[in-house]
Amino acid sequence: MQKQTRRKFSAAFKAKVALDAAKEQQTLAELSKKYEVSSVIISRWKAELLANLSTVFEKSTGEDSSEDKVDIEKLYAQIGQLKVENDFLKKSAKRLGI
């Protein structure tokens, strides 16, 4: 006798099914047959999709902003180094009469 394990669905699959449910072109029964998932699960995914839909259009202030700050600091450091090198080369060129 085998032990049944729960099926795990990817986020892409959940989104696809929930989007089809949100379109309401097919009934939940038809969708559950089509995707071989319980209609209760499809209803949950649809409710979760509709509840979190507004977050798609929000600006992310999480990890992306900290990564941007690191990149900006590196760029400012590089600009400073290039400016010092440029000033050095200008002074050297004046001494050589170029």
PDB file of N, CA and C in Angstrom:
ATOM      1  N   MET A   1       0.829  -1.176   0.000  1.00  0.00           N
ATOM      2  CA  MET A   1       0.000   0.000   0.000  1.00  0.00           C
ATOM      3  C   MET A   1       0.879   1.246   0.000  1.00  0.00           C
ATOM      4  N   GLN A   2       0.691   2.099  -0.995  1.00  0.00           N
ATOM      5  CA  GLN A   2       1.508   3.302  -1.110  1.00  0.00           C
ATOM      6  C   GLN A   2       0.871   4.465  -0.357  1.00  0.00           C
ATOM      7  N   LYS A   3       1.738   5.259   0.186  1.00  0.00           N
ATOM      8  CA  LYS A   3       1.274   6.456   0.888  1.00  0.00           C
ATOM      9  C   LYS A   3       1.077   7.573  -0.140  1.00  0.00           C
ATOM     10  N   GLN A   4      -0.099   8.185  -0.132  1.00  0.00           N
ATOM     11  CA  GLN A   4      -0.364   9.271  -1.073  1.00  0.00           C
ATOM     12  C   GLN A   4       0.234  10.560  -0.537  1.00  0.00           C
ATOM     13  N   THR A   5       0.894  11.265  -1.409  1.00  0.00           N
ATOM     14  CA  THR A   5       1.464  12.553  -1.028  1.00  0.00           C
ATOM     15  C   THR A   5       0.668  13.653  -1.709  1.00  0.00           C
ATOM     16  N   ARG A   6       0.727  14.805  -1.129  1.00  0.00           N
ATOM     17  CA  ARG A   6       0.029  15.945  -1.721  1.00  0.00           C
ATOM     18  C   ARG A   6       0.737  16.397  -2.978  1.00  0.00           C
ATOM     19  N   ARG A   7      -0.047  16.794  -3.925  1.00  0.00           N
ATOM     20  CA  ARG A   7       0.537  17.326  -5.156  1.00  0.00           C
ATOM     21  C   ARG A   7       0.941  18.765  -4.916  1.00  0.00           C
ATOM     22  N   LYS A   8       2.043  19.144  -5.483  1.00  0.00           N
ATOM     23  CA  LYS A   8       2.521  20.521  -5.356  1.00  0.00           C
ATOM     24  C   LYS A   8       2.454  21.166  -6.728  1.00  0.00           C
ATOM     25  N   PHE A   9       1.871  22.343  -6.762  1.00  0.00           N
ATOM     26  CA  PHE A   9       1.695  23.047  -8.027  1.00  0.00           C
ATOM     27  C   PHE A   9       2.619  24.261  -8.064  1.00  0.00           C
ATOM     28  N   SER A  10       3.144  24.526  -9.233  1.00  0.00           N
ATOM     29  CA  SER A  10       4.019  25.684  -9.386  1.00  0.00           C
ATOM     30  C   SER A  10       3.188  26.962  -9.375  1.00  0.00           C
ATOM     31  N   ALA A  11       3.857  28.056  -9.117  1.00  0.00           N
ATOM     32  CA  ALA A  11       3.180  29.351  -9.091  1.00  0.00           C
ATOM     33  C   ALA A  11       2.623  29.698 -10.471  1.00  0.00           C
ATOM     34  N   ALA A  12       3.346  29.311 -11.516  1.00  0.00           N
ATOM     35  CA  ALA A  12       2.880  29.599 -12.874  1.00  0.00           C
ATOM     36  C   ALA A  12       1.584  28.842 -13.180  1.00  0.00           C
ATOM     37  N   PHE A  13       1.517  27.598 -12.735  1.00  0.00           N
ATOM     38  CA  PHE A  13       0.304  26.807 -12.956  1.00  0.00           C
ATOM     39  C   PHE A  13      -0.869  27.394 -12.186  1.00  0.00           C
ATOM     40  N   LYS A  14      -0.619  27.767 -10.930  1.00  0.00           N
ATOM     41  CA  LYS A  14      -1.679  28.370 -10.116  1.00  0.00           C
ATOM     42  C   LYS A  14      -2.192  29.650 -10.761  1.00  0.00           C
ATOM     43  N   ALA A  15      -1.263  30.463 -11.262  1.00  0.00           N
ATOM     44  CA  ALA A  15      -1.648  31.722 -11.890  1.00  0.00           C
ATOM     45  C   ALA A  15      -2.482  31.477 -13.140  1.00  0.00           C
ATOM     46  N   LYS A  16      -2.082  30.479 -13.919  1.00  0.00           N
ATOM     47  CA  LYS A  16      -2.815  30.150 -15.149  1.00  0.00           C
ATOM     48  C   LYS A  16      -4.244  29.724 -14.831  1.00  0.00           C
ATOM     49  N   VAL A  17      -4.390  28.831 -13.854  1.00  0.00           N
ATOM     50  CA  VAL A  17      -5.710  28.323 -13.488  1.00  0.00           C
ATOM     51  C   VAL A  17      -6.558  29.441 -12.890  1.00  0.00           C
ATOM     52  N   ALA A  18      -5.961  30.236 -11.993  1.00  0.00           N
ATOM     53  CA  ALA A  18      -6.700  31.329 -11.350  1.00  0.00           C
ATOM     54  C   ALA A  18      -7.130  32.371 -12.369  1.00  0.00           C
ATOM     55  N   LEU A  19      -6.289  32.633 -13.349  1.00  0.00           N
ATOM     56  CA  LEU A  19      -6.641  33.603 -14.388  1.00  0.00           C
ATOM     57  C   LEU A  19      -7.787  33.085 -15.241  1.00  0.00           C
ATOM     58  N   ASP A  20      -7.745  31.801 -15.574  1.00  0.00           N
ATOM     59  CA  ASP A  20      -8.873  31.211 -16.313  1.00  0.00           C
ATOM     60  C   ASP A  20     -10.159  31.282 -15.499  1.00  0.00           C
ATOM     61  N   ALA A  21     -10.051  31.076 -14.201  1.00  0.00           N
ATOM     62  CA  ALA A  21     -11.231  31.151 -13.336  1.00  0.00           C
ATOM     63  C   ALA A  21     -11.742  32.584 -13.246  1.00  0.00           C
ATOM     64  N   ALA A  22     -10.828  33.537 -13.214  1.00  0.00           N
ATOM     65  CA  ALA A  22     -11.225  34.944 -13.119  1.00  0.00           C
ATOM     66  C   ALA A  22     -11.902  35.419 -14.404  1.00  0.00           C
ATOM     67  N   LYS A  23     -11.526  34.839 -15.535  1.00  0.00           N
ATOM     68  CA  LYS A  23     -12.150  35.212 -16.808  1.00  0.00           C
ATOM     69  C   LYS A  23     -13.617  34.791 -16.854  1.00  0.00           C
ATOM     70  N   GLU A  24     -13.948  33.745 -16.118  1.00  0.00           N
ATOM     71  CA  GLU A  24     -15.306  33.215 -16.021  1.00  0.00           C
ATOM     72  C   GLU A  24     -15.900  32.820 -17.374  1.00  0.00           C
ATOM     73  N   GLN A  25     -15.059  32.298 -18.255  1.00  0.00           N
ATOM     74  CA  GLN A  25     -15.547  31.788 -19.528  1.00  0.00           C
ATOM     75  C   GLN A  25     -15.986  30.335 -19.396  1.00  0.00           C
ATOM     76  N   GLN A  26     -15.489  29.651 -18.349  1.00  0.00           N
ATOM     77  CA  GLN A  26     -15.864  28.274 -18.073  1.00  0.00           C
ATOM     78  C   GLN A  26     -16.277  28.175 -16.607  1.00  0.00           C
ATOM     79  N   THR A  27     -17.072  27.194 -16.299  1.00  0.00           N
ATOM     80  CA  THR A  27     -17.480  27.005 -14.908  1.00  0.00           C
ATOM     81  C   THR A  27     -16.337  26.372 -14.122  1.00  0.00           C
ATOM     82  N   LEU A  28     -16.468  26.416 -12.793  1.00  0.00           N
ATOM     83  CA  LEU A  28     -15.447  25.801 -11.952  1.00  0.00           C
ATOM     84  C   LEU A  28     -15.366  24.294 -12.187  1.00  0.00           C
ATOM     85  N   ALA A  29     -16.505  23.677 -12.447  1.00  0.00           N
ATOM     86  CA  ALA A  29     -16.520  22.235 -12.718  1.00  0.00           C
ATOM     87  C   ALA A  29     -15.739  21.910 -13.993  1.00  0.00           C
ATOM     88  N   GLU A  30     -15.925  22.725 -15.013  1.00  0.00           N
ATOM     89  CA  GLU A  30     -15.197  22.507 -16.269  1.00  0.00           C
ATOM     90  C   GLU A  30     -13.696  22.721 -16.068  1.00  0.00           C
ATOM     91  N   LEU A  31     -13.348  23.755 -15.310  1.00  0.00           N
ATOM     92  CA  LEU A  31     -11.937  24.018 -15.054  1.00  0.00           C
ATOM     93  C   LEU A  31     -11.308  22.912 -14.211  1.00  0.00           C
ATOM     94  N   SER A  32     -12.055  22.393 -13.245  1.00  0.00           N
ATOM     95  CA  SER A  32     -11.500  21.331 -12.407  1.00  0.00           C
ATOM     96  C   SER A  32     -11.272  20.052 -13.207  1.00  0.00           C
ATOM     97  N   LYS A  33     -12.127  19.780 -14.175  1.00  0.00           N
ATOM     98  CA  LYS A  33     -11.902  18.629 -15.055  1.00  0.00           C
ATOM     99  C   LYS A  33     -10.713  18.881 -15.976  1.00  0.00           C
ATOM    100  N   LYS A  34     -10.650  20.090 -16.497  1.00  0.00           N
ATOM    101  CA  LYS A  34      -9.592  20.436 -17.449  1.00  0.00           C
ATOM    102  C   LYS A  34      -8.208  20.348 -16.810  1.00  0.00           C
ATOM    103  N   TYR A  35      -8.066  20.900 -15.600  1.00  0.00           N
ATOM    104  CA  TYR A  35      -6.768  20.954 -14.935  1.00  0.00           C
ATOM    105  C   TYR A  35      -6.571  19.863 -13.888  1.00  0.00           C
ATOM    106  N   GLU A  36      -7.605  19.036 -13.666  1.00  0.00           N
ATOM    107  CA  GLU A  36      -7.561  17.951 -12.688  1.00  0.00           C
ATOM    108  C   GLU A  36      -7.221  18.461 -11.288  1.00  0.00           C
ATOM    109  N   VAL A  37      -7.914  19.533 -10.900  1.00  0.00           N
ATOM    110  CA  VAL A  37      -7.749  20.154  -9.588  1.00  0.00           C
ATOM    111  C   VAL A  37      -9.145  20.387  -9.032  1.00  0.00           C
ATOM    112  N   SER A  38      -9.269  20.285  -7.726  1.00  0.00           N
ATOM    113  CA  SER A  38     -10.563  20.482  -7.081  1.00  0.00           C
ATOM    114  C   SER A  38     -11.087  21.901  -7.317  1.00  0.00           C
ATOM    115  N   SER A  39     -12.389  22.013  -7.448  1.00  0.00           N
ATOM    116  CA  SER A  39     -12.987  23.330  -7.662  1.00  0.00           C
ATOM    117  C   SER A  39     -12.808  24.239  -6.438  1.00  0.00           C
ATOM    118  N   VAL A  40     -12.701  23.641  -5.264  1.00  0.00           N
ATOM    119  CA  VAL A  40     -12.455  24.420  -4.043  1.00  0.00           C
ATOM    120  C   VAL A  40     -11.078  25.071  -4.111  1.00  0.00           C
ATOM    121  N   ILE A  41     -10.100  24.320  -4.571  1.00  0.00           N
ATOM    122  CA  ILE A  41      -8.738  24.846  -4.709  1.00  0.00           C
ATOM    123  C   ILE A  41      -8.709  25.968  -5.741  1.00  0.00           C
ATOM    124  N   ILE A  42      -9.406  25.772  -6.840  1.00  0.00           N
ATOM    125  CA  ILE A  42      -9.460  26.805  -7.879  1.00  0.00           C
ATOM    126  C   ILE A  42     -10.099  28.069  -7.326  1.00  0.00           C
ATOM    127  N   SER A  43     -11.132  27.924  -6.528  1.00  0.00           N
ATOM    128  CA  SER A  43     -11.777  29.089  -5.917  1.00  0.00           C
ATOM    129  C   SER A  43     -10.828  29.830  -4.993  1.00  0.00           C
ATOM    130  N   ARG A  44     -10.042  29.081  -4.221  1.00  0.00           N
ATOM    131  CA  ARG A  44      -9.053  29.708  -3.330  1.00  0.00           C
ATOM    132  C   ARG A  44      -8.004  30.471  -4.122  1.00  0.00           C
ATOM    133  N   TRP A  45      -7.489  29.831  -5.191  1.00  0.00           N
ATOM    134  CA  TRP A  45      -6.473  30.486  -6.011  1.00  0.00           C
ATOM    135  C   TRP A  45      -7.026  31.746  -6.661  1.00  0.00           C
ATOM    136  N   LYS A  46      -8.264  31.688  -7.105  1.00  0.00           N
ATOM    137  CA  LYS A  46      -8.910  32.851  -7.726  1.00  0.00           C
ATOM    138  C   LYS A  46      -9.052  33.980  -6.707  1.00  0.00           C
ATOM    139  N   ALA A  47      -9.503  33.649  -5.493  1.00  0.00           N
ATOM    140  CA  ALA A  47      -9.658  34.665  -4.445  1.00  0.00           C
ATOM    141  C   ALA A  47      -8.313  35.283  -4.082  1.00  0.00           C
ATOM    142  N   GLU A  48      -7.284  34.453  -4.017  1.00  0.00           N
ATOM    143  CA  GLU A  48      -5.948  34.960  -3.705  1.00  0.00           C
ATOM    144  C   GLU A  48      -5.434  35.864  -4.822  1.00  0.00           C
ATOM    145  N   LEU A  49      -5.691  35.475  -6.058  1.00  0.00           N
ATOM    146  CA  LEU A  49      -5.293  36.294  -7.201  1.00  0.00           C
ATOM    147  C   LEU A  49      -5.965  37.663  -7.148  1.00  0.00           C
ATOM    148  N   LEU A  50      -7.268  37.676  -6.929  1.00  0.00           N
ATOM    149  CA  LEU A  50      -8.002  38.935  -6.902  1.00  0.00           C
ATOM    150  C   LEU A  50      -7.608  39.797  -5.701  1.00  0.00           C
ATOM    151  N   ALA A  51      -7.273  39.170  -4.590  1.00  0.00           N
ATOM    152  CA  ALA A  51      -6.874  39.926  -3.400  1.00  0.00           C
ATOM    153  C   ALA A  51      -5.504  40.568  -3.571  1.00  0.00           C
ATOM    154  N   ASN A  52      -4.609  39.892  -4.282  1.00  0.00           N
ATOM    155  CA  ASN A  52      -3.240  40.393  -4.429  1.00  0.00           C
ATOM    156  C   ASN A  52      -2.976  41.050  -5.779  1.00  0.00           C
ATOM    157  N   LEU A  53      -4.005  41.305  -6.524  1.00  0.00           N
ATOM    158  CA  LEU A  53      -3.846  41.867  -7.855  1.00  0.00           C
ATOM    159  C   LEU A  53      -3.264  43.278  -7.823  1.00  0.00           C
ATOM    160  N   SER A  54      -3.599  44.049  -6.826  1.00  0.00           N
ATOM    161  CA  SER A  54      -3.113  45.432  -6.765  1.00  0.00           C
ATOM    162  C   SER A  54      -1.609  45.505  -6.520  1.00  0.00           C
ATOM    163  N   THR A  55      -1.010  44.459  -5.946  1.00  0.00           N
ATOM    164  CA  THR A  55       0.425  44.488  -5.682  1.00  0.00           C
ATOM    165  C   THR A  55       1.254  44.403  -6.956  1.00  0.00           C
ATOM    166  N   VAL A  56       0.652  43.999  -8.038  1.00  0.00           N
ATOM    167  CA  VAL A  56       1.376  43.918  -9.301  1.00  0.00           C
ATOM    168  C   VAL A  56       1.825  45.304  -9.752  1.00  0.00           C
ATOM    169  N   PHE A  57       1.015  46.304  -9.484  1.00  0.00           N
ATOM    170  CA  PHE A  57       1.292  47.641  -9.975  1.00  0.00           C
ATOM    171  C   PHE A  57       1.983  48.534  -8.950  1.00  0.00           C
ATOM    172  N   GLU A  58       2.293  48.015  -7.779  1.00  0.00           N
ATOM    173  CA  GLU A  58       2.993  48.793  -6.777  1.00  0.00           C
ATOM    174  C   GLU A  58       4.485  48.762  -7.060  1.00  0.00           C
ATOM    175  N   LYS A  59       5.153  49.843  -6.678  1.00  0.00           N
ATOM    176  CA  LYS A  59       6.597  49.885  -6.828  1.00  0.00           C
ATOM    177  C   LYS A  59       7.210  49.060  -5.714  1.00  0.00           C
ATOM    178  N   SER A  60       8.201  48.271  -6.090  1.00  0.00           N
ATOM    179  CA  SER A  60       8.840  47.437  -5.080  1.00  0.00           C
ATOM    180  C   SER A  60       9.871  48.269  -4.326  1.00  0.00           C
ATOM    181  N   THR A  61       9.832  48.197  -3.009  1.00  0.00           N
ATOM    182  CA  THR A  61      10.783  48.926  -2.172  1.00  0.00           C
ATOM    183  C   THR A  61      11.616  47.958  -1.346  1.00  0.00           C
ATOM    184  N   GLY A  62      11.599  46.712  -1.706  1.00  0.00           N
ATOM    185  CA  GLY A  62      12.293  45.681  -0.946  1.00  0.00           C
ATOM    186  C   GLY A  62      13.750  45.558  -1.333  1.00  0.00           C
ATOM    187  N   GLU A  63      14.126  44.431  -1.835  1.00  0.00           N
ATOM    188  CA  GLU A  63      15.512  44.108  -2.122  1.00  0.00           C
ATOM    189  C   GLU A  63      16.074  44.932  -3.274  1.00  0.00           C
ATOM    190  N   ASP A  64      15.246  45.300  -4.220  1.00  0.00           N
ATOM    191  CA  ASP A  64      15.733  46.023  -5.382  1.00  0.00           C
ATOM    192  C   ASP A  64      16.375  47.351  -4.995  1.00  0.00           C
ATOM    193  N   SER A  65      15.781  48.065  -4.060  1.00  0.00           N
ATOM    194  CA  SER A  65      16.318  49.361  -3.681  1.00  0.00           C
ATOM    195  C   SER A  65      17.675  49.219  -3.005  1.00  0.00           C
ATOM    196  N   SER A  66      17.889  48.178  -2.204  1.00  0.00           N
ATOM    197  CA  SER A  66      19.183  47.993  -1.563  1.00  0.00           C
ATOM    198  C   SER A  66      20.245  47.624  -2.600  1.00  0.00           C
ATOM    199  N   GLU A  67      19.853  46.855  -3.620  1.00  0.00           N
ATOM    200  CA  GLU A  67      20.787  46.526  -4.683  1.00  0.00           C
ATOM    201  C   GLU A  67      21.144  47.771  -5.479  1.00  0.00           C
ATOM    202  N   ASP A  68      20.182  48.655  -5.707  1.00  0.00           N
ATOM    203  CA  ASP A  68      20.443  49.886  -6.421  1.00  0.00           C
ATOM    204  C   ASP A  68      21.409  50.767  -5.651  1.00  0.00           C
ATOM    205  N   LYS A  69      21.259  50.837  -4.338  1.00  0.00           N
ATOM    206  CA  LYS A  69      22.152  51.647  -3.520  1.00  0.00           C
ATOM    207  C   LYS A  69      23.583  51.146  -3.617  1.00  0.00           C
ATOM    208  N   VAL A  70      23.771  49.844  -3.608  1.00  0.00           N
ATOM    209  CA  VAL A  70      25.108  49.275  -3.719  1.00  0.00           C
ATOM    210  C   VAL A  70      25.705  49.630  -5.069  1.00  0.00           C
ATOM    211  N   ASP A  71      24.940  49.512  -6.116  1.00  0.00           N
ATOM    212  CA  ASP A  71      25.427  49.841  -7.447  1.00  0.00           C
ATOM    213  C   ASP A  71      25.771  51.322  -7.548  1.00  0.00           C
ATOM    214  N   ILE A  72      24.960  52.189  -6.967  1.00  0.00           N
ATOM    215  CA  ILE A  72      25.209  53.624  -7.016  1.00  0.00           C
ATOM    216  C   ILE A  72      26.489  53.960  -6.274  1.00  0.00           C
ATOM    217  N   GLU A  73      26.721  53.331  -5.126  1.00  0.00           N
ATOM    218  CA  GLU A  73      27.941  53.580  -4.367  1.00  0.00           C
ATOM    219  C   GLU A  73      29.173  53.148  -5.153  1.00  0.00           C
ATOM    220  N   LYS A  74      29.086  52.014  -5.826  1.00  0.00           N
ATOM    221  CA  LYS A  74      30.211  51.551  -6.651  1.00  0.00           C
ATOM    222  C   LYS A  74      30.472  52.521  -7.789  1.00  0.00           C
ATOM    223  N   LEU A  75      29.396  53.016  -8.388  1.00  0.00           N
ATOM    224  CA  LEU A  75      29.561  53.948  -9.499  1.00  0.00           C
ATOM    225  C   LEU A  75      30.175  55.263  -9.045  1.00  0.00           C
ATOM    226  N   TYR A  76      29.745  55.769  -7.893  1.00  0.00           N
ATOM    227  CA  TYR A  76      30.343  56.997  -7.374  1.00  0.00           C
ATOM    228  C   TYR A  76      31.827  56.793  -7.056  1.00  0.00           C
ATOM    229  N   ALA A  77      32.186  55.646  -6.535  1.00  0.00           N
ATOM    230  CA  ALA A  77      33.594  55.358  -6.252  1.00  0.00           C
ATOM    231  C   ALA A  77      34.401  55.324  -7.545  1.00  0.00           C
ATOM    232  N   GLN A  78      33.821  54.730  -8.572  1.00  0.00           N
ATOM    233  CA  GLN A  78      34.513  54.652  -9.850  1.00  0.00           C
ATOM    234  C   GLN A  78      34.650  56.042 -10.471  1.00  0.00           C
ATOM    235  N   ILE A  79      33.625  56.870 -10.350  1.00  0.00           N
ATOM    236  CA  ILE A  79      33.694  58.239 -10.867  1.00  0.00           C
ATOM    237  C   ILE A  79      34.801  59.017 -10.166  1.00  0.00           C
ATOM    238  N   GLY A  80      34.879  58.864  -8.851  1.00  0.00           N
ATOM    239  CA  GLY A  80      35.923  59.546  -8.089  1.00  0.00           C
ATOM    240  C   GLY A  80      37.312  59.120  -8.522  1.00  0.00           C
ATOM    241  N   GLN A  81      37.506  57.822  -8.722  1.00  0.00           N
ATOM    242  CA  GLN A  81      38.809  57.327  -9.152  1.00  0.00           C
ATOM    243  C   GLN A  81      39.154  57.845 -10.538  1.00  0.00           C
ATOM    244  N   LEU A  82      38.206  57.853 -11.451  1.00  0.00           N
ATOM    245  CA  LEU A  82      38.459  58.350 -12.800  1.00  0.00           C
ATOM    246  C   LEU A  82      38.769  59.841 -12.798  1.00  0.00           C
ATOM    247  N   LYS A  83      38.110  60.571 -11.918  1.00  0.00           N
ATOM    248  CA  LYS A  83      38.365  62.009 -11.816  1.00  0.00           C
ATOM    249  C   LYS A  83      39.785  62.269 -11.331  1.00  0.00           C
ATOM    250  N   VAL A  84      40.247  61.515 -10.349  1.00  0.00           N
ATOM    251  CA  VAL A  84      41.618  61.656  -9.841  1.00  0.00           C
ATOM    252  C   VAL A  84      42.619  61.317 -10.936  1.00  0.00           C
ATOM    253  N   GLU A  85      42.373  60.227 -11.660  1.00  0.00           N
ATOM    254  CA  GLU A  85      43.275  59.841 -12.753  1.00  0.00           C
ATOM    255  C   GLU A  85      43.294  60.903 -13.848  1.00  0.00           C
ATOM    256  N   ASN A  86      42.129  61.465 -14.172  1.00  0.00           N
ATOM    257  CA  ASN A  86      42.039  62.497 -15.195  1.00  0.00           C
ATOM    258  C   ASN A  86      42.820  63.740 -14.785  1.00  0.00           C
ATOM    259  N   ASP A  87      42.680  64.171 -13.534  1.00  0.00           N
ATOM    260  CA  ASP A  87      43.422  65.330 -13.045  1.00  0.00           C
ATOM    261  C   ASP A  87      44.926  65.071 -13.091  1.00  0.00           C
ATOM    262  N   PHE A  88      45.336  63.860 -12.715  1.00  0.00           N
ATOM    263  CA  PHE A  88      46.752  63.501 -12.749  1.00  0.00           C
ATOM    264  C   PHE A  88      47.297  63.568 -14.171  1.00  0.00           C
ATOM    265  N   LEU A  89      46.526  63.035 -15.119  1.00  0.00           N
ATOM    266  CA  LEU A  89      46.978  63.041 -16.513  1.00  0.00           C
ATOM    267  C   LEU A  89      47.022  64.455 -17.083  1.00  0.00           C
ATOM    268  N   LYS A  90      46.100  65.333 -16.681  1.00  0.00           N
ATOM    269  CA  LYS A  90      46.112  66.726 -17.127  1.00  0.00           C
ATOM    270  C   LYS A  90      47.365  67.427 -16.626  1.00  0.00           C
ATOM    271  N   LYS A  91      47.712  67.207 -15.347  1.00  0.00           N
ATOM    272  CA  LYS A  91      48.909  67.848 -14.779  1.00  0.00           C
ATOM    273  C   LYS A  91      50.168  67.318 -15.455  1.00  0.00           C
ATOM    274  N   SER A  92      50.184  66.015 -15.706  1.00  0.00           N
ATOM    275  CA  SER A  92      51.345  65.417 -16.368  1.00  0.00           C
ATOM    276  C   SER A  92      51.484  65.937 -17.808  1.00  0.00           C
ATOM    277  N   ALA A  93      50.380  66.129 -18.479  1.00  0.00           N
ATOM    278  CA  ALA A  93      50.408  66.629 -19.846  1.00  0.00           C
ATOM    279  C   ALA A  93      50.898  68.066 -19.874  1.00  0.00           C
ATOM    280  N   LYS A  94      50.515  68.886 -18.868  1.00  0.00           N
ATOM    281  CA  LYS A  94      50.995  70.272 -18.815  1.00  0.00           C
ATOM    282  C   LYS A  94      52.495  70.329 -18.583  1.00  0.00           C
ATOM    283  N   ARG A  95      53.015  69.432 -17.735  1.00  0.00           N
ATOM    284  CA  ARG A  95      54.458  69.413 -17.467  1.00  0.00           C
ATOM    285  C   ARG A  95      55.244  69.024 -18.719  1.00  0.00           C
ATOM    286  N   LEU A  96      54.688  68.135 -19.498  1.00  0.00           N
ATOM    287  CA  LEU A  96      55.365  67.676 -20.701  1.00  0.00           C
ATOM    288  C   LEU A  96      55.134  68.635 -21.876  1.00  0.00           C
ATOM    289  N   GLY A  97      54.223  69.577 -21.729  1.00  0.00           N
ATOM    290  CA  GLY A  97      53.972  70.552 -22.779  1.00  0.00           C
ATOM    291  C   GLY A  97      53.069  70.041 -23.878  1.00  0.00           C
ATOM    292  N   ILE A  98      52.231  69.082 -23.557  1.00  0.00           N
ATOM    293  CA  ILE A  98      51.338  68.526 -24.567  1.00  0.00           C
ATOM    294  C   ILE A  98      50.037  69.272 -24.567  1.00  0.00           C
TER     295      ILE A  98
END
